Amino acid sequence: MSIFRKKCQYCGEKIEKGKEITVEVKVPEFKYKVKRRFCSLEHLDLYKKYVKSIPVGNSCPYCKN
């Protein structure tokens, strides 16, 4: 058991070593894509569907509509 186990970006649960899915995704607060870890493809799809569509506050000059 490792102290530094990665957590799923969507659900926050710890991921077993070697079973994580690492993907570059768009985070609403950032201009560029960043690497994030997920515990399953289902959580990756849910993240892309719901989290990506969260409206960004007025603090980001790149993400304003």
C-alpha atoms as a PDB file:
ATOM      1  CA  MET A   1       0.000   0.000   0.000  1.00  0.00           C
ATOM      2  CA  SER A   2       1.447   3.320  -1.089  1.00  0.00           C
ATOM      3  CA  ILE A   3       0.987   6.684   0.565  1.00  0.00           C
ATOM      4  CA  PHE A   4       1.052   8.437  -2.787  1.00  0.00           C
ATOM      5  CA  ARG A   5      -1.696   6.541  -4.590  1.00  0.00           C
ATOM      6  CA  LYS A   6      -3.447   8.545  -7.261  1.00  0.00           C
ATOM      7  CA  LYS A   7      -7.093   9.530  -6.945  1.00  0.00           C
ATOM      8  CA  CYS A   8      -9.759   9.522  -9.646  1.00  0.00           C
ATOM      9  CA  GLN A   9     -10.386  13.033 -10.925  1.00  0.00           C
ATOM     10  CA  TYR A  10     -14.146  12.360 -11.091  1.00  0.00           C
ATOM     11  CA  CYS A  11     -15.017  10.397  -7.932  1.00  0.00           C
ATOM     12  CA  GLY A  12     -11.971  11.026  -5.726  1.00  0.00           C
ATOM     13  CA  GLU A  13     -11.450   7.332  -4.888  1.00  0.00           C
ATOM     14  CA  LYS A  14      -7.904   5.974  -4.710  1.00  0.00           C
ATOM     15  CA  ILE A  15      -6.818   4.031  -7.807  1.00  0.00           C
ATOM     16  CA  GLU A  16      -4.818   0.806  -7.586  1.00  0.00           C
ATOM     17  CA  LYS A  17      -1.339   1.059  -9.036  1.00  0.00           C
ATOM     18  CA  GLY A  18      -1.262   0.144 -12.725  1.00  0.00           C
ATOM     19  CA  LYS A  19      -5.047   0.395 -13.188  1.00  0.00           C
ATOM     20  CA  GLU A  20      -5.315   4.150 -13.685  1.00  0.00           C
ATOM     21  CA  ILE A  21      -6.354   5.680 -17.000  1.00  0.00           C
ATOM     22  CA  THR A  22      -4.308   8.806 -17.722  1.00  0.00           C
ATOM     23  CA  VAL A  23      -5.777  11.164 -20.332  1.00  0.00           C
ATOM     24  CA  GLU A  24      -5.235  14.773 -21.356  1.00  0.00           C
ATOM     25  CA  VAL A  25      -8.552  16.576 -20.843  1.00  0.00           C
ATOM     26  CA  LYS A  26      -9.761  20.166 -20.921  1.00  0.00           C
ATOM     27  CA  VAL A  27     -10.252  21.640 -17.464  1.00  0.00           C
ATOM     28  CA  PRO A  28     -12.622  24.653 -17.410  1.00  0.00           C
ATOM     29  CA  GLU A  29     -10.188  26.868 -15.483  1.00  0.00           C
ATOM     30  CA  PHE A  30      -7.188  26.292 -17.759  1.00  0.00           C
ATOM     31  CA  LYS A  31      -6.435  27.316 -21.331  1.00  0.00           C
ATOM     32  CA  TYR A  32      -4.647  24.102 -22.289  1.00  0.00           C
ATOM     33  CA  LYS A  33      -5.344  20.411 -21.750  1.00  0.00           C
ATOM     34  CA  VAL A  34      -3.835  18.783 -18.658  1.00  0.00           C
ATOM     35  CA  LYS A  35      -3.204  15.152 -17.688  1.00  0.00           C
ATOM     36  CA  ARG A  36      -5.782  13.701 -15.316  1.00  0.00           C
ATOM     37  CA  ARG A  37      -6.217  10.190 -13.902  1.00  0.00           C
ATOM     38  CA  PHE A  38      -9.456   8.193 -13.813  1.00  0.00           C
ATOM     39  CA  CYS A  39     -10.384   4.832 -12.294  1.00  0.00           C
ATOM     40  CA  SER A  40     -12.575   3.703 -15.211  1.00  0.00           C
ATOM     41  CA  LEU A  41     -13.621   4.632 -18.723  1.00  0.00           C
ATOM     42  CA  GLU A  42     -17.118   5.303 -17.369  1.00  0.00           C
ATOM     43  CA  HIS A  43     -15.780   8.036 -15.072  1.00  0.00           C
ATOM     44  CA  LEU A  44     -13.746   9.487 -17.943  1.00  0.00           C
ATOM     45  CA  ASP A  45     -16.901   9.723 -20.068  1.00  0.00           C
ATOM     46  CA  LEU A  46     -18.872  11.263 -17.192  1.00  0.00           C
ATOM     47  CA  TYR A  47     -16.090  13.812 -16.603  1.00  0.00           C
ATOM     48  CA  LYS A  48     -16.066  14.796 -20.266  1.00  0.00           C
ATOM     49  CA  LYS A  49     -19.866  15.048 -20.312  1.00  0.00           C
ATOM     50  CA  TYR A  50     -20.496  16.981 -17.083  1.00  0.00           C
ATOM     51  CA  VAL A  51     -17.346  18.650 -15.763  1.00  0.00           C
ATOM     52  CA  LYS A  52     -16.262  20.040 -19.119  1.00  0.00           C
ATOM     53  CA  SER A  53     -19.632  21.769 -19.488  1.00  0.00           C
ATOM     54  CA  ILE A  54     -19.363  23.652 -16.166  1.00  0.00           C
ATOM     55  CA  PRO A  55     -19.448  27.389 -16.869  1.00  0.00           C
ATOM     56  CA  VAL A  56     -16.287  29.257 -15.970  1.00  0.00           C
ATOM     57  CA  GLY A  57     -16.299  32.345 -13.783  1.00  0.00           C
ATOM     58  CA  ASN A  58     -15.202  35.743 -15.073  1.00  0.00           C
ATOM     59  CA  SER A  59     -11.626  35.349 -13.808  1.00  0.00           C
ATOM     60  CA  CYS A  60     -10.299  33.461 -16.849  1.00  0.00           C
ATOM     61  CA  PRO A  61      -9.533  35.710 -19.851  1.00  0.00           C
ATOM     62  CA  TYR A  62      -9.221  32.718 -22.212  1.00  0.00           C
ATOM     63  CA  CYS A  63     -12.466  30.878 -21.408  1.00  0.00           C
ATOM     64  CA  LYS A  64     -14.928  33.770 -21.543  1.00  0.00           C
ATOM     65  CA  ASN A  65     -17.722  33.474 -24.081  1.00  0.00           C
END
